[in-house]
Amino acid sequence: MTAKPIQYRDISEREVLKYALDYTMPWVIETFRAIPDDLVAVRPRPNINAPGYVFGHIAVTERKHVGMFLECVKDIPERYLIFFGSRGCCEQSHSEEEVRAAIESKDALISYWEGVRGKTRAYLDRISDADLKTVPQKTLHPDDHPNRHNPIREWFVMTIQHQNCMMGWLEIIKKLIADKT
């Protein structure tokens, strides 16, 4: 018997989320690694954050998003708390010194995100597809589709969208750096 094409396979929503989370991770890491070490904490333009900040922001916000379901995540290193900005990644105005002080090394920051991703996957392994479909009844409007308004699914989708957006910022930063050299 031949394998069914993926669009015809039975695939759980959790598997789709895992795939979507992991799909761009290698590209983001590769892009971050391609940025010279001496420029990791440097803003390529005044209105664009340093690449180290953008990468750290991806990791810390993923941990915060998933942590909302794990009740009060307290395992984010103190030095990385600057990466979780209340005004958004692109608007923060941390100095190069603050970003440099938060980043022990590119490899340490990459390892942190990989650890965060491991915790995200472990959380997805603990929940069921039913957990991704359960909707608080008070949020339903008669015209709503029953698979909408699930806070767990929405946070995962937001994390995936955020990661993809930040990957775009890293690509822009990489290009700006290449244009200067």
N, C-alpha and C. Protein backbone atom coordinates (compact mmCIF):
# COMPACT_ATOMS: atom_id res chain seq x y z
N MET A 1 0.84 -1.19 0.00
CA MET A 1 0.00 0.00 0.00
C MET A 1 0.89 1.25 0.00
N THR A 2 0.56 2.20 -0.82
CA THR A 2 1.36 3.43 -0.89
C THR A 2 0.89 4.42 0.15
N ALA A 3 1.79 5.28 0.55
CA ALA A 3 1.45 6.30 1.55
C ALA A 3 0.53 7.34 0.92
N LYS A 4 -0.38 7.82 1.74
CA LYS A 4 -1.29 8.88 1.28
C LYS A 4 -0.54 10.21 1.27
N PRO A 5 -0.84 11.07 0.31
CA PRO A 5 -0.29 12.43 0.38
C PRO A 5 -0.74 13.09 1.69
N ILE A 6 0.07 14.02 2.19
CA ILE A 6 -0.20 14.59 3.51
C ILE A 6 -1.60 15.21 3.62
N GLN A 7 -2.11 15.80 2.54
CA GLN A 7 -3.42 16.42 2.64
C GLN A 7 -4.54 15.40 2.83
N TYR A 8 -4.25 14.11 2.60
CA TYR A 8 -5.27 13.08 2.78
C TYR A 8 -5.02 12.21 4.01
N ARG A 9 -3.97 12.48 4.74
CA ARG A 9 -3.69 11.72 5.95
C ARG A 9 -4.51 12.26 7.10
N ASP A 10 -4.72 11.38 8.04
CA ASP A 10 -5.31 11.83 9.30
C ASP A 10 -4.18 12.43 10.12
N ILE A 11 -4.23 13.70 10.34
CA ILE A 11 -3.18 14.37 11.10
C ILE A 11 -3.87 15.20 12.18
N SER A 12 -3.39 15.07 13.37
CA SER A 12 -4.04 15.76 14.48
C SER A 12 -3.67 17.24 14.46
N GLU A 13 -4.48 18.01 15.11
CA GLU A 13 -4.21 19.45 15.19
C GLU A 13 -2.91 19.71 15.94
N ARG A 14 -2.64 18.90 16.95
CA ARG A 14 -1.38 19.04 17.69
C ARG A 14 -0.19 18.81 16.76
N GLU A 15 -0.28 17.82 15.87
CA GLU A 15 0.81 17.56 14.93
C GLU A 15 0.98 18.72 13.96
N VAL A 16 -0.10 19.32 13.54
CA VAL A 16 -0.02 20.49 12.67
C VAL A 16 0.68 21.64 13.39
N LEU A 17 0.31 21.87 14.65
CA LEU A 17 0.95 22.94 15.42
C LEU A 17 2.45 22.66 15.59
N LYS A 18 2.81 21.42 15.91
CA LYS A 18 4.23 21.08 16.06
C LYS A 18 4.98 21.33 14.75
N TYR A 19 4.39 20.90 13.66
CA TYR A 19 5.03 21.11 12.36
C TYR A 19 5.19 22.60 12.07
N ALA A 20 4.15 23.36 12.28
CA ALA A 20 4.21 24.80 12.00
C ALA A 20 5.23 25.49 12.90
N LEU A 21 5.32 25.10 14.16
CA LEU A 21 6.30 25.69 15.07
C LEU A 21 7.73 25.37 14.61
N ASP A 22 7.94 24.14 14.19
CA ASP A 22 9.29 23.70 13.83
C ASP A 22 9.71 24.06 12.42
N TYR A 23 8.76 24.42 11.56
CA TYR A 23 9.04 24.62 10.15
C TYR A 23 10.10 25.69 9.90
N THR A 24 9.96 26.83 10.52
CA THR A 24 10.90 27.93 10.25
C THR A 24 12.06 28.01 11.23
N MET A 25 12.01 27.25 12.31
CA MET A 25 13.06 27.36 13.33
C MET A 25 14.47 27.22 12.76
N PRO A 26 14.75 26.21 11.92
CA PRO A 26 16.11 26.11 11.37
C PRO A 26 16.52 27.34 10.55
N TRP A 27 15.57 27.92 9.81
CA TRP A 27 15.89 29.11 9.01
C TRP A 27 16.20 30.30 9.91
N VAL A 28 15.44 30.45 10.97
CA VAL A 28 15.68 31.57 11.89
C VAL A 28 17.06 31.42 12.52
N ILE A 29 17.38 30.21 12.97
CA ILE A 29 18.69 29.98 13.58
C ILE A 29 19.81 30.20 12.57
N GLU A 30 19.63 29.71 11.36
CA GLU A 30 20.65 29.89 10.31
C GLU A 30 20.86 31.38 10.01
N THR A 31 19.79 32.13 9.93
CA THR A 31 19.88 33.58 9.68
C THR A 31 20.61 34.28 10.81
N PHE A 32 20.27 33.90 12.05
CA PHE A 32 20.91 34.51 13.22
C PHE A 32 22.40 34.16 13.25
N ARG A 33 22.73 32.92 12.97
CA ARG A 33 24.14 32.51 12.96
C ARG A 33 24.93 33.26 11.89
N ALA A 34 24.29 33.63 10.79
CA ALA A 34 24.99 34.31 9.69
C ALA A 34 25.35 35.76 10.02
N ILE A 35 24.79 36.29 11.06
CA ILE A 35 25.09 37.67 11.45
C ILE A 35 26.40 37.68 12.22
N PRO A 36 27.35 38.50 11.83
CA PRO A 36 28.66 38.53 12.52
C PRO A 36 28.50 38.80 14.02
N ASP A 37 29.31 38.11 14.81
CA ASP A 37 29.22 38.23 16.28
C ASP A 37 29.31 39.67 16.76
N ASP A 38 30.16 40.47 16.12
CA ASP A 38 30.35 41.84 16.58
C ASP A 38 29.15 42.75 16.25
N LEU A 39 28.20 42.25 15.46
CA LEU A 39 27.03 43.05 15.10
C LEU A 39 25.73 42.54 15.75
N VAL A 40 25.81 41.52 16.58
CA VAL A 40 24.61 40.92 17.18
C VAL A 40 23.86 41.93 18.07
N ALA A 41 24.57 42.81 18.74
CA ALA A 41 23.91 43.76 19.63
C ALA A 41 23.77 45.15 19.01
N VAL A 42 24.08 45.28 17.74
CA VAL A 42 24.08 46.58 17.07
C VAL A 42 22.81 46.74 16.22
N ARG A 43 22.16 47.90 16.38
CA ARG A 43 21.01 48.21 15.54
C ARG A 43 21.51 48.55 14.14
N PRO A 44 20.98 47.90 13.10
CA PRO A 44 21.43 48.23 11.75
C PRO A 44 20.92 49.59 11.29
N ARG A 45 19.82 50.04 11.87
CA ARG A 45 19.26 51.38 11.64
C ARG A 45 18.58 51.79 12.94
N PRO A 46 18.40 53.06 13.19
CA PRO A 46 17.80 53.48 14.46
C PRO A 46 16.40 52.91 14.71
N ASN A 47 15.64 52.65 13.67
CA ASN A 47 14.27 52.18 13.87
C ASN A 47 14.15 50.65 13.82
N ILE A 48 15.26 49.94 13.79
CA ILE A 48 15.23 48.48 13.76
C ILE A 48 16.10 47.97 14.90
N ASN A 49 15.55 47.03 15.66
CA ASN A 49 16.27 46.50 16.80
C ASN A 49 17.48 45.67 16.40
N ALA A 50 18.35 45.46 17.36
CA ALA A 50 19.54 44.63 17.16
C ALA A 50 19.12 43.19 16.91
N PRO A 51 19.86 42.46 16.07
CA PRO A 51 19.49 41.07 15.77
C PRO A 51 19.42 40.19 17.02
N GLY A 52 20.30 40.41 17.97
CA GLY A 52 20.26 39.62 19.21
C GLY A 52 18.98 39.86 19.98
N TYR A 53 18.51 41.12 19.96
CA TYR A 53 17.24 41.42 20.63
C TYR A 53 16.09 40.71 19.93
N VAL A 54 16.05 40.76 18.62
CA VAL A 54 14.96 40.13 17.86
C VAL A 54 14.94 38.63 18.13
N PHE A 55 16.11 37.99 18.07
CA PHE A 55 16.18 36.55 18.30
C PHE A 55 15.77 36.20 19.73
N GLY A 56 16.28 36.95 20.69
CA GLY A 56 15.90 36.71 22.09
C GLY A 56 14.42 36.91 22.31
N HIS A 57 13.85 37.89 21.62
CA HIS A 57 12.42 38.17 21.72
C HIS A 57 11.59 36.97 21.26
N ILE A 58 12.03 36.31 20.19
CA ILE A 58 11.33 35.12 19.70
C ILE A 58 11.27 34.07 20.80
N ALA A 59 12.41 33.79 21.42
CA ALA A 59 12.49 32.74 22.44
C ALA A 59 11.68 33.07 23.68
N VAL A 60 11.86 34.28 24.19
CA VAL A 60 11.19 34.65 25.44
C VAL A 60 9.68 34.76 25.25
N THR A 61 9.23 35.31 24.15
CA THR A 61 7.77 35.41 23.96
C THR A 61 7.15 34.04 23.78
N GLU A 62 7.85 33.11 23.12
CA GLU A 62 7.30 31.75 23.03
C GLU A 62 7.14 31.16 24.43
N ARG A 63 8.14 31.34 25.26
CA ARG A 63 8.06 30.79 26.63
C ARG A 63 6.93 31.46 27.40
N LYS A 64 6.79 32.76 27.23
CA LYS A 64 5.70 33.47 27.92
C LYS A 64 4.34 33.01 27.41
N HIS A 65 4.18 32.89 26.09
CA HIS A 65 2.89 32.48 25.53
C HIS A 65 2.49 31.10 26.03
N VAL A 66 3.39 30.13 25.91
CA VAL A 66 3.07 28.78 26.37
C VAL A 66 2.93 28.78 27.89
N GLY A 67 3.73 29.58 28.54
CA GLY A 67 3.67 29.67 30.00
C GLY A 67 2.34 30.14 30.54
N MET A 68 1.58 30.83 29.73
CA MET A 68 0.27 31.28 30.19
C MET A 68 -0.64 30.10 30.53
N PHE A 69 -0.35 28.94 29.94
CA PHE A 69 -1.15 27.76 30.24
C PHE A 69 -0.52 26.92 31.34
N LEU A 70 0.74 27.19 31.66
CA LEU A 70 1.44 26.38 32.65
C LEU A 70 1.52 27.09 33.98
N GLU A 71 0.78 28.15 34.12
CA GLU A 71 0.68 28.92 35.35
C GLU A 71 2.01 29.53 35.80
N CYS A 72 2.19 30.74 35.46
CA CYS A 72 3.27 31.56 36.00
C CYS A 72 4.66 30.98 35.74
N VAL A 73 5.10 31.03 34.53
CA VAL A 73 6.44 30.55 34.17
C VAL A 73 7.48 31.45 34.83
N LYS A 74 8.39 30.82 35.55
CA LYS A 74 9.44 31.58 36.23
C LYS A 74 10.83 31.09 35.83
N ASP A 75 10.93 30.40 34.69
CA ASP A 75 12.22 29.84 34.30
C ASP A 75 12.92 30.64 33.20
N ILE A 76 12.50 31.87 32.99
CA ILE A 76 13.19 32.74 32.03
C ILE A 76 14.35 33.41 32.78
N PRO A 77 15.57 33.23 32.29
CA PRO A 77 16.70 33.85 32.98
C PRO A 77 16.51 35.36 33.10
N GLU A 78 16.90 35.87 34.22
CA GLU A 78 16.75 37.30 34.51
C GLU A 78 17.34 38.17 33.39
N ARG A 79 18.51 37.77 32.88
CA ARG A 79 19.18 38.57 31.85
C ARG A 79 18.37 38.64 30.57
N TYR A 80 17.47 37.65 30.32
CA TYR A 80 16.68 37.60 29.09
C TYR A 80 15.35 38.35 29.20
N LEU A 81 15.02 38.82 30.38
CA LEU A 81 13.73 39.50 30.55
C LEU A 81 13.62 40.78 29.71
N ILE A 82 14.74 41.37 29.32
CA ILE A 82 14.66 42.57 28.48
C ILE A 82 14.11 42.24 27.10
N PHE A 83 14.18 40.96 26.70
CA PHE A 83 13.69 40.56 25.38
C PHE A 83 12.18 40.51 25.29
N PHE A 84 11.51 40.54 26.44
CA PHE A 84 10.05 40.54 26.41
C PHE A 84 9.60 41.96 26.65
N GLY A 85 9.34 42.67 25.54
CA GLY A 85 8.97 44.07 25.64
C GLY A 85 7.46 44.24 25.65
N SER A 86 7.01 45.17 26.43
CA SER A 86 5.57 45.42 26.49
C SER A 86 5.07 46.20 25.28
N ARG A 87 5.99 46.89 24.58
CA ARG A 87 5.57 47.69 23.42
C ARG A 87 5.84 46.99 22.10
N GLY A 88 6.34 45.78 22.14
CA GLY A 88 6.61 45.06 20.91
C GLY A 88 8.08 45.06 20.55
N CYS A 89 8.46 44.11 19.77
CA CYS A 89 9.87 43.87 19.45
C CYS A 89 10.50 45.03 18.71
N CYS A 90 9.81 45.60 17.79
CA CYS A 90 10.43 46.59 16.91
C CYS A 90 10.48 47.98 17.52
N GLU A 91 9.76 48.19 18.63
CA GLU A 91 9.72 49.53 19.20
C GLU A 91 10.60 49.70 20.43
N GLN A 92 11.13 48.62 20.95
CA GLN A 92 11.95 48.72 22.14
C GLN A 92 13.19 49.55 21.86
N SER A 93 13.64 50.23 22.87
CA SER A 93 14.81 51.08 22.66
C SER A 93 15.91 50.74 23.65
N HIS A 94 16.21 49.45 23.80
CA HIS A 94 17.32 49.05 24.65
C HIS A 94 18.63 49.43 23.97
N SER A 95 19.57 49.84 24.79
CA SER A 95 20.86 50.24 24.24
C SER A 95 21.65 49.00 23.81
N GLU A 96 22.67 49.24 22.99
CA GLU A 96 23.54 48.15 22.56
C GLU A 96 24.19 47.49 23.77
N GLU A 97 24.54 48.28 24.77
CA GLU A 97 25.17 47.72 25.98
C GLU A 97 24.22 46.78 26.71
N GLU A 98 22.94 47.17 26.82
CA GLU A 98 21.95 46.31 27.49
C GLU A 98 21.77 45.00 26.73
N VAL A 99 21.67 45.08 25.42
CA VAL A 99 21.50 43.87 24.60
C VAL A 99 22.75 43.01 24.70
N ARG A 100 23.91 43.63 24.60
CA ARG A 100 25.17 42.88 24.68
C ARG A 100 25.28 42.19 26.05
N ALA A 101 24.89 42.87 27.12
CA ALA A 101 24.97 42.29 28.47
C ALA A 101 24.01 41.11 28.63
N ALA A 102 22.90 41.13 27.91
CA ALA A 102 21.92 40.05 28.02
C ALA A 102 22.34 38.81 27.24
N ILE A 103 23.18 39.00 26.23
CA ILE A 103 23.57 37.89 25.36
C ILE A 103 24.95 37.38 25.77
N GLU A 104 24.95 36.23 26.39
CA GLU A 104 26.22 35.59 26.75
C GLU A 104 26.99 35.24 25.47
N SER A 105 26.27 34.60 24.53
CA SER A 105 26.81 34.28 23.22
C SER A 105 25.64 33.91 22.32
N LYS A 106 25.90 33.91 21.00
CA LYS A 106 24.84 33.48 20.07
C LYS A 106 24.44 32.04 20.37
N ASP A 107 25.43 31.19 20.61
CA ASP A 107 25.13 29.78 20.87
C ASP A 107 24.29 29.60 22.13
N ALA A 108 24.57 30.38 23.17
CA ALA A 108 23.78 30.28 24.40
C ALA A 108 22.33 30.70 24.15
N LEU A 109 22.16 31.75 23.37
CA LEU A 109 20.80 32.22 23.06
C LEU A 109 20.06 31.20 22.19
N ILE A 110 20.75 30.61 21.23
CA ILE A 110 20.15 29.57 20.39
C ILE A 110 19.78 28.36 21.26
N SER A 111 20.67 27.95 22.14
CA SER A 111 20.39 26.82 23.03
C SER A 111 19.18 27.10 23.92
N TYR A 112 19.08 28.36 24.38
CA TYR A 112 17.91 28.71 25.19
C TYR A 112 16.62 28.52 24.40
N TRP A 113 16.60 29.01 23.16
CA TRP A 113 15.38 28.87 22.36
C TRP A 113 15.09 27.39 22.08
N GLU A 114 16.12 26.62 21.81
CA GLU A 114 15.91 25.19 21.58
C GLU A 114 15.33 24.52 22.82
N GLY A 115 15.79 24.95 24.00
CA GLY A 115 15.21 24.43 25.25
C GLY A 115 13.77 24.84 25.42
N VAL A 116 13.48 26.10 25.08
CA VAL A 116 12.09 26.58 25.12
C VAL A 116 11.22 25.75 24.20
N ARG A 117 11.72 25.49 22.98
CA ARG A 117 10.95 24.70 22.02
C ARG A 117 10.70 23.29 22.55
N GLY A 118 11.68 22.72 23.24
CA GLY A 118 11.49 21.41 23.85
C GLY A 118 10.35 21.43 24.86
N LYS A 119 10.26 22.50 25.66
CA LYS A 119 9.17 22.63 26.63
C LYS A 119 7.84 22.83 25.92
N THR A 120 7.85 23.57 24.82
CA THR A 120 6.62 23.78 24.05
C THR A 120 6.13 22.45 23.49
N ARG A 121 7.04 21.67 22.91
CA ARG A 121 6.66 20.35 22.38
C ARG A 121 6.13 19.44 23.49
N ALA A 122 6.80 19.46 24.65
CA ALA A 122 6.36 18.62 25.77
C ALA A 122 4.94 19.02 26.20
N TYR A 123 4.66 20.32 26.20
CA TYR A 123 3.31 20.77 26.54
C TYR A 123 2.31 20.26 25.50
N LEU A 124 2.66 20.37 24.22
CA LEU A 124 1.76 19.87 23.17
C LEU A 124 1.55 18.36 23.29
N ASP A 125 2.56 17.64 23.76
CA ASP A 125 2.41 16.19 23.95
C ASP A 125 1.46 15.86 25.10
N ARG A 126 1.38 16.76 26.08
CA ARG A 126 0.52 16.50 27.25
C ARG A 126 -0.95 16.82 27.01
N ILE A 127 -1.21 17.69 26.06
CA ILE A 127 -2.61 18.05 25.83
C ILE A 127 -3.18 17.19 24.71
N SER A 128 -4.48 17.23 24.57
CA SER A 128 -5.14 16.44 23.52
C SER A 128 -5.71 17.37 22.46
N ASP A 129 -6.12 16.77 21.36
CA ASP A 129 -6.79 17.58 20.34
C ASP A 129 -8.08 18.17 20.89
N ALA A 130 -8.71 17.46 21.82
CA ALA A 130 -9.93 17.98 22.44
C ALA A 130 -9.63 19.27 23.20
N ASP A 131 -8.45 19.34 23.84
CA ASP A 131 -8.07 20.57 24.54
C ASP A 131 -7.97 21.75 23.58
N LEU A 132 -7.63 21.46 22.33
CA LEU A 132 -7.50 22.52 21.33
C LEU A 132 -8.85 22.90 20.72
N LYS A 133 -9.87 22.13 21.02
CA LYS A 133 -11.20 22.42 20.47
C LYS A 133 -12.17 22.94 21.52
N THR A 134 -11.87 22.72 22.79
CA THR A 134 -12.76 23.15 23.85
C THR A 134 -12.84 24.67 23.88
N VAL A 135 -14.05 25.17 23.85
CA VAL A 135 -14.28 26.61 23.83
C VAL A 135 -15.16 26.99 25.01
N PRO A 136 -14.74 27.98 25.79
CA PRO A 136 -15.63 28.44 26.86
C PRO A 136 -16.96 28.88 26.25
N GLN A 137 -18.03 28.31 26.71
CA GLN A 137 -19.34 28.57 26.12
C GLN A 137 -19.73 30.04 26.15
N LYS A 138 -19.27 30.77 27.16
CA LYS A 138 -19.65 32.19 27.24
C LYS A 138 -19.09 33.02 26.09
N THR A 139 -18.05 32.51 25.40
CA THR A 139 -17.47 33.29 24.31
C THR A 139 -18.17 33.04 22.97
N LEU A 140 -19.01 32.03 22.92
CA LEU A 140 -19.64 31.69 21.64
C LEU A 140 -20.78 32.63 21.29
N HIS A 141 -20.76 33.06 20.09
CA HIS A 141 -21.84 33.83 19.50
C HIS A 141 -22.59 32.85 18.62
N PRO A 142 -23.89 32.97 18.44
CA PRO A 142 -24.63 31.99 17.63
C PRO A 142 -24.06 31.79 16.22
N ASP A 143 -23.43 32.81 15.65
CA ASP A 143 -22.88 32.68 14.30
C ASP A 143 -21.45 32.15 14.28
N ASP A 144 -20.84 31.95 15.44
CA ASP A 144 -19.45 31.50 15.50
C ASP A 144 -19.31 30.04 15.14
N HIS A 145 -18.21 29.75 14.52
CA HIS A 145 -17.85 28.36 14.24
C HIS A 145 -17.38 27.75 15.57
N PRO A 146 -17.75 26.51 15.88
CA PRO A 146 -17.38 25.93 17.17
C PRO A 146 -15.89 25.72 17.38
N ASN A 147 -15.08 25.78 16.32
CA ASN A 147 -13.63 25.60 16.49
C ASN A 147 -12.87 26.91 16.65
N ARG A 148 -13.58 27.99 16.88
CA ARG A 148 -12.92 29.28 17.10
C ARG A 148 -12.94 29.62 18.58
N HIS A 149 -12.15 30.57 18.95
CA HIS A 149 -12.12 31.11 20.31
C HIS A 149 -11.58 30.14 21.35
N ASN A 150 -10.71 29.23 20.95
CA ASN A 150 -10.04 28.39 21.92
C ASN A 150 -8.76 29.09 22.30
N PRO A 151 -8.60 29.48 23.57
CA PRO A 151 -7.42 30.28 23.94
C PRO A 151 -6.10 29.53 23.74
N ILE A 152 -6.07 28.23 23.96
CA ILE A 152 -4.82 27.50 23.78
C ILE A 152 -4.40 27.53 22.31
N ARG A 153 -5.32 27.20 21.42
CA ARG A 153 -5.01 27.20 19.99
C ARG A 153 -4.62 28.60 19.54
N GLU A 154 -5.35 29.60 20.00
CA GLU A 154 -5.06 30.97 19.56
C GLU A 154 -3.67 31.43 20.00
N TRP A 155 -3.21 31.05 21.20
CA TRP A 155 -1.87 31.43 21.63
C TRP A 155 -0.82 30.73 20.80
N PHE A 156 -1.07 29.45 20.47
CA PHE A 156 -0.10 28.75 19.62
C PHE A 156 -0.04 29.38 18.23
N VAL A 157 -1.17 29.68 17.66
CA VAL A 157 -1.20 30.31 16.33
C VAL A 157 -0.50 31.66 16.39
N MET A 158 -0.75 32.43 17.44
CA MET A 158 -0.10 33.73 17.58
C MET A 158 1.42 33.55 17.70
N THR A 159 1.86 32.54 18.42
CA THR A 159 3.30 32.27 18.55
C THR A 159 3.91 31.95 17.19
N ILE A 160 3.21 31.13 16.40
CA ILE A 160 3.70 30.77 15.06
C ILE A 160 3.77 32.01 14.17
N GLN A 161 2.72 32.82 14.18
CA GLN A 161 2.72 34.04 13.36
C GLN A 161 3.82 34.99 13.80
N HIS A 162 4.01 35.12 15.10
CA HIS A 162 5.03 36.00 15.65
C HIS A 162 6.42 35.53 15.22
N GLN A 163 6.66 34.22 15.32
CA GLN A 163 7.96 33.68 14.92
C GLN A 163 8.23 33.97 13.45
N ASN A 164 7.23 33.81 12.61
CA ASN A 164 7.41 34.07 11.17
C ASN A 164 7.68 35.55 10.91
N CYS A 165 7.00 36.42 11.62
CA CYS A 165 7.22 37.86 11.47
C CYS A 165 8.65 38.22 11.88
N MET A 166 9.09 37.69 13.02
CA MET A 166 10.44 37.99 13.51
C MET A 166 11.51 37.42 12.58
N MET A 167 11.20 36.28 11.94
CA MET A 167 12.13 35.74 10.95
C MET A 167 12.30 36.76 9.82
N GLY A 168 11.22 37.39 9.42
CA GLY A 168 11.29 38.43 8.39
C GLY A 168 12.18 39.58 8.83
N TRP A 169 12.06 40.00 10.11
CA TRP A 169 12.91 41.07 10.62
C TRP A 169 14.38 40.67 10.58
N LEU A 170 14.67 39.41 10.97
CA LEU A 170 16.07 38.97 10.93
C LEU A 170 16.61 38.96 9.50
N GLU A 171 15.78 38.57 8.54
CA GLU A 171 16.21 38.59 7.13
C GLU A 171 16.51 40.02 6.68
N ILE A 172 15.66 40.97 7.08
CA ILE A 172 15.88 42.38 6.74
C ILE A 172 17.18 42.86 7.37
N ILE A 173 17.38 42.53 8.64
CA ILE A 173 18.60 42.94 9.34
C ILE A 173 19.83 42.36 8.66
N LYS A 174 19.77 41.08 8.31
CA LYS A 174 20.89 40.42 7.62
C LYS A 174 21.21 41.15 6.31
N LYS A 175 20.19 41.53 5.57
CA LYS A 175 20.39 42.23 4.30
C LYS A 175 20.98 43.61 4.55
N LEU A 176 20.48 44.34 5.53
CA LEU A 176 21.02 45.67 5.85
C LEU A 176 22.50 45.58 6.24
N ILE A 177 22.83 44.56 7.00
CA ILE A 177 24.24 44.37 7.41
C ILE A 177 25.09 44.05 6.18
N ALA A 178 24.59 43.17 5.32
CA ALA A 178 25.34 42.80 4.11
C ALA A 178 25.55 44.00 3.21
N ASP A 179 24.53 44.87 3.11
CA ASP A 179 24.65 46.06 2.27
C ASP A 179 25.69 47.04 2.78
N LYS A 180 25.92 47.05 4.11
CA LYS A 180 26.90 47.97 4.70
C LYS A 180 28.33 47.47 4.53
N THR A 181 28.48 46.16 4.39
CA THR A 181 29.85 45.62 4.34
C THR A 181 30.35 45.45 2.92
